[in-house]
Amino acid sequence: MFKKLICLPFALTLLGCTSTPHVDMASCKETLLNYVNLRDTGSQADYQALFSQDATFSIPALSLHLVGAETIAERQQQAIQKFKTMHMMTSVDVQAIQNDEARAESYFILYQQERDKVDAPKTVINGKYTDKLRVLEGKCLIQDRQVDIIRKENW
C-alpha cells in the first residue's frame, strides 16, 4: 500500500510533465533577435521569412495595421529606403502557450533618421513588442506583433 501511495503522485507528476507545452524557446528567441538586424538592412525575402503567411503587425500609436507577411515585408523595404535605422533589443522574454505557440515581450530602442538628409533630426523610440509566435515546419515565426511606443523623442 505504501508503494502505491508514493508511486501514484510520482506517476501523476510525470504525466503532467508530458502535457507541458513544448516550443523550442531558443528558436523563438533567435527569430526575435534576427528581427532587429533584418528590419534595418535585410532583404525583403529574409525579413518576410520571419513571419507566418497570415501574420499581423500593428502599431496603434501610428494607426498602422498590416496583414500578411508579404505586406509587412513590403513596408519594411519602403521604410529602409526612406530611413536609416538601428534597432536594439534590451530584453526578450518568451513563454510557451501550447505545443506550437508561444508569446513574447521584448523591449527595444530604435534610432531613425531620414536617409538622404544628413542634418535631419534623429528620432529615438523606446518601445515594446508583444508577440504571438507559431512554430510551422520546425521554424518559430511571428504570427502577431503589436508595437507599443513608450517614448519618442527627436534630437
Protein backbone atom coordinates (compact mmCIF):
# COMPACT_ATOMS: atom_id res chain seq x y z
CA MET A 1 0.00 0.00 0.00
CA PHE A 2 2.84 2.39 0.86
CA LYS A 3 4.40 1.87 -2.60
CA LYS A 4 1.09 2.74 -4.25
CA LEU A 5 0.81 5.96 -2.26
CA ILE A 6 4.33 7.01 -3.29
CA CYS A 7 4.09 5.85 -6.92
CA LEU A 8 0.72 7.45 -7.68
CA PRO A 9 1.82 11.09 -7.08
CA PHE A 10 5.08 10.40 -8.92
CA ALA A 11 3.20 8.94 -11.90
CA LEU A 12 0.81 11.90 -11.95
CA THR A 13 3.76 14.29 -11.88
CA LEU A 14 5.34 12.52 -14.86
CA LEU A 15 2.03 12.56 -16.70
CA GLY A 16 1.74 16.28 -16.08
CA CYS A 17 5.22 16.81 -17.50
CA THR A 18 4.33 15.10 -20.74
CA SER A 19 1.47 17.51 -21.35
CA THR A 20 3.61 20.62 -20.78
CA PRO A 21 3.82 22.77 -23.93
CA HIS A 22 6.98 22.19 -25.96
CA VAL A 23 8.20 25.08 -28.05
CA ASP A 24 11.84 25.46 -28.98
CA MET A 25 12.44 28.63 -26.98
CA ALA A 26 15.92 29.08 -28.45
CA SER A 27 14.45 29.10 -31.96
CA CYS A 28 11.81 31.66 -30.97
CA LYS A 29 14.35 33.88 -29.26
CA GLU A 30 16.60 33.63 -32.33
CA THR A 31 13.70 34.77 -34.56
CA LEU A 32 13.10 37.79 -32.35
CA LEU A 33 16.79 38.71 -32.24
CA ASN A 34 17.14 38.25 -36.01
CA TYR A 35 14.26 40.66 -36.47
CA VAL A 36 16.32 43.69 -35.44
CA ASN A 37 19.10 43.04 -37.96
CA LEU A 38 16.80 42.12 -40.82
CA ARG A 39 14.48 45.04 -40.13
CA ASP A 40 17.31 47.55 -40.54
CA THR A 41 19.19 46.13 -43.52
CA GLY A 42 17.73 42.79 -44.55
CA SER A 43 16.35 41.71 -47.86
CA GLN A 44 12.60 41.60 -48.30
CA ALA A 45 12.66 37.80 -48.59
CA ASP A 46 14.72 37.28 -45.41
CA TYR A 47 12.59 39.73 -43.43
CA GLN A 48 9.36 38.18 -44.75
CA ALA A 49 10.61 34.73 -43.67
CA LEU A 50 10.37 35.83 -40.02
CA PHE A 51 6.57 35.99 -40.25
CA SER A 52 3.85 33.43 -40.86
CA GLN A 53 1.99 33.97 -44.14
CA ASP A 54 -1.10 35.32 -42.35
CA ALA A 55 0.81 37.40 -39.78
CA THR A 56 -0.46 40.70 -38.45
CA PHE A 57 1.66 43.71 -37.47
CA SER A 58 0.20 46.67 -35.58
CA ILE A 59 1.49 49.98 -34.26
CA PRO A 60 -1.58 51.54 -32.59
CA ALA A 61 0.13 54.91 -31.96
CA LEU A 62 0.62 55.27 -35.73
CA SER A 63 -2.79 53.79 -36.63
CA LEU A 64 -0.91 51.10 -38.56
CA HIS A 65 -2.28 47.59 -39.02
CA LEU A 66 -0.75 45.30 -41.64
CA VAL A 67 -1.94 41.82 -42.59
CA GLY A 68 0.17 39.20 -44.34
CA ALA A 69 3.92 38.55 -44.36
CA GLU A 70 4.28 39.95 -47.87
CA THR A 71 2.57 43.25 -46.95
CA ILE A 72 4.68 43.54 -43.78
CA ALA A 73 7.89 42.96 -45.76
CA GLU A 74 6.89 45.45 -48.45
CA ARG A 75 6.51 48.13 -45.78
CA GLN A 76 9.92 47.22 -44.35
CA GLN A 77 11.51 47.79 -47.77
CA GLN A 78 9.77 51.16 -48.13
CA ALA A 79 10.97 52.18 -44.68
CA ILE A 80 14.63 51.25 -45.23
CA GLN A 81 14.65 53.20 -48.50
CA LYS A 82 13.46 56.32 -46.68
CA PHE A 83 15.16 55.97 -43.26
CA LYS A 84 18.46 54.85 -41.77
CA THR A 85 17.54 52.84 -38.69
CA MET A 86 19.22 50.94 -35.92
CA HIS A 87 17.08 48.68 -33.74
CA MET A 88 18.41 47.28 -30.49
CA MET A 89 16.69 44.79 -28.20
CA THR A 90 17.08 45.38 -24.49
CA SER A 91 15.28 42.23 -23.34
CA VAL A 92 13.42 39.22 -24.70
CA ASP A 93 11.04 37.02 -22.69
CA VAL A 94 9.47 34.02 -24.46
CA GLN A 95 6.84 31.81 -22.82
CA ALA A 96 5.28 28.63 -24.24
CA ILE A 97 1.48 28.60 -24.61
CA GLN A 98 0.81 25.35 -26.50
CA ASN A 99 2.82 22.76 -28.41
CA ASP A 100 3.25 25.08 -31.38
CA GLU A 101 2.62 28.53 -29.90
CA ALA A 102 4.44 30.95 -27.66
CA ARG A 103 4.11 34.55 -26.60
CA ALA A 104 6.89 37.04 -26.09
CA GLU A 105 7.53 40.51 -24.78
CA SER A 106 10.62 42.35 -25.95
CA TYR A 107 11.77 45.87 -25.27
CA PHE A 108 13.62 47.84 -27.89
CA ILE A 109 15.30 51.11 -28.74
CA LEU A 110 15.14 52.46 -32.28
CA TYR A 111 17.28 55.22 -33.76
CA GLN A 112 15.91 56.61 -37.01
CA GLN A 113 16.94 59.38 -39.42
CA GLU A 114 15.87 60.28 -42.93
CA ARG A 115 18.30 58.60 -45.28
CA ASP A 116 19.08 61.47 -47.66
CA LYS A 117 19.19 64.29 -45.12
CA VAL A 118 22.40 64.35 -43.08
CA ASP A 119 21.15 67.25 -40.96
CA ALA A 120 17.70 65.76 -40.40
CA PRO A 121 16.75 65.25 -36.76
CA LYS A 122 17.22 61.80 -35.29
CA THR A 123 14.22 60.12 -33.76
CA VAL A 124 14.73 57.84 -30.77
CA ILE A 125 11.90 55.48 -29.86
CA ASN A 126 11.69 53.24 -26.82
CA GLY A 127 9.03 50.60 -27.05
CA LYS A 128 7.76 47.10 -26.51
CA TYR A 129 6.97 44.29 -28.92
CA THR A 130 4.21 41.96 -27.81
CA ASP A 131 4.30 38.87 -30.00
CA LYS A 132 2.37 35.71 -30.59
CA LEU A 133 4.73 33.15 -32.14
CA ARG A 134 3.87 29.97 -34.00
CA VAL A 135 6.06 27.03 -34.92
CA LEU A 136 5.50 25.99 -38.52
CA GLU A 137 7.58 23.33 -40.24
CA GLY A 138 10.07 23.42 -37.38
CA LYS A 139 10.63 27.19 -37.53
CA CYS A 140 9.38 29.70 -34.97
CA LEU A 141 7.62 32.56 -36.79
CA ILE A 142 5.97 35.80 -35.73
CA GLN A 143 2.19 35.33 -36.03
CA ASP A 144 1.11 38.62 -34.50
CA ARG A 145 3.18 41.63 -33.43
CA GLN A 146 1.93 44.69 -31.62
CA VAL A 147 4.37 47.54 -31.22
CA ASP A 148 3.76 49.84 -28.29
CA ILE A 149 5.67 53.12 -28.34
CA ILE A 150 6.61 54.05 -24.79
CA ARG A 151 8.61 57.17 -25.53
CA LYS A 152 9.54 59.07 -28.69
CA GLU A 153 11.99 61.96 -28.91
CA ASN A 154 13.54 63.97 -31.72
CA TRP A 155 17.16 65.01 -31.35
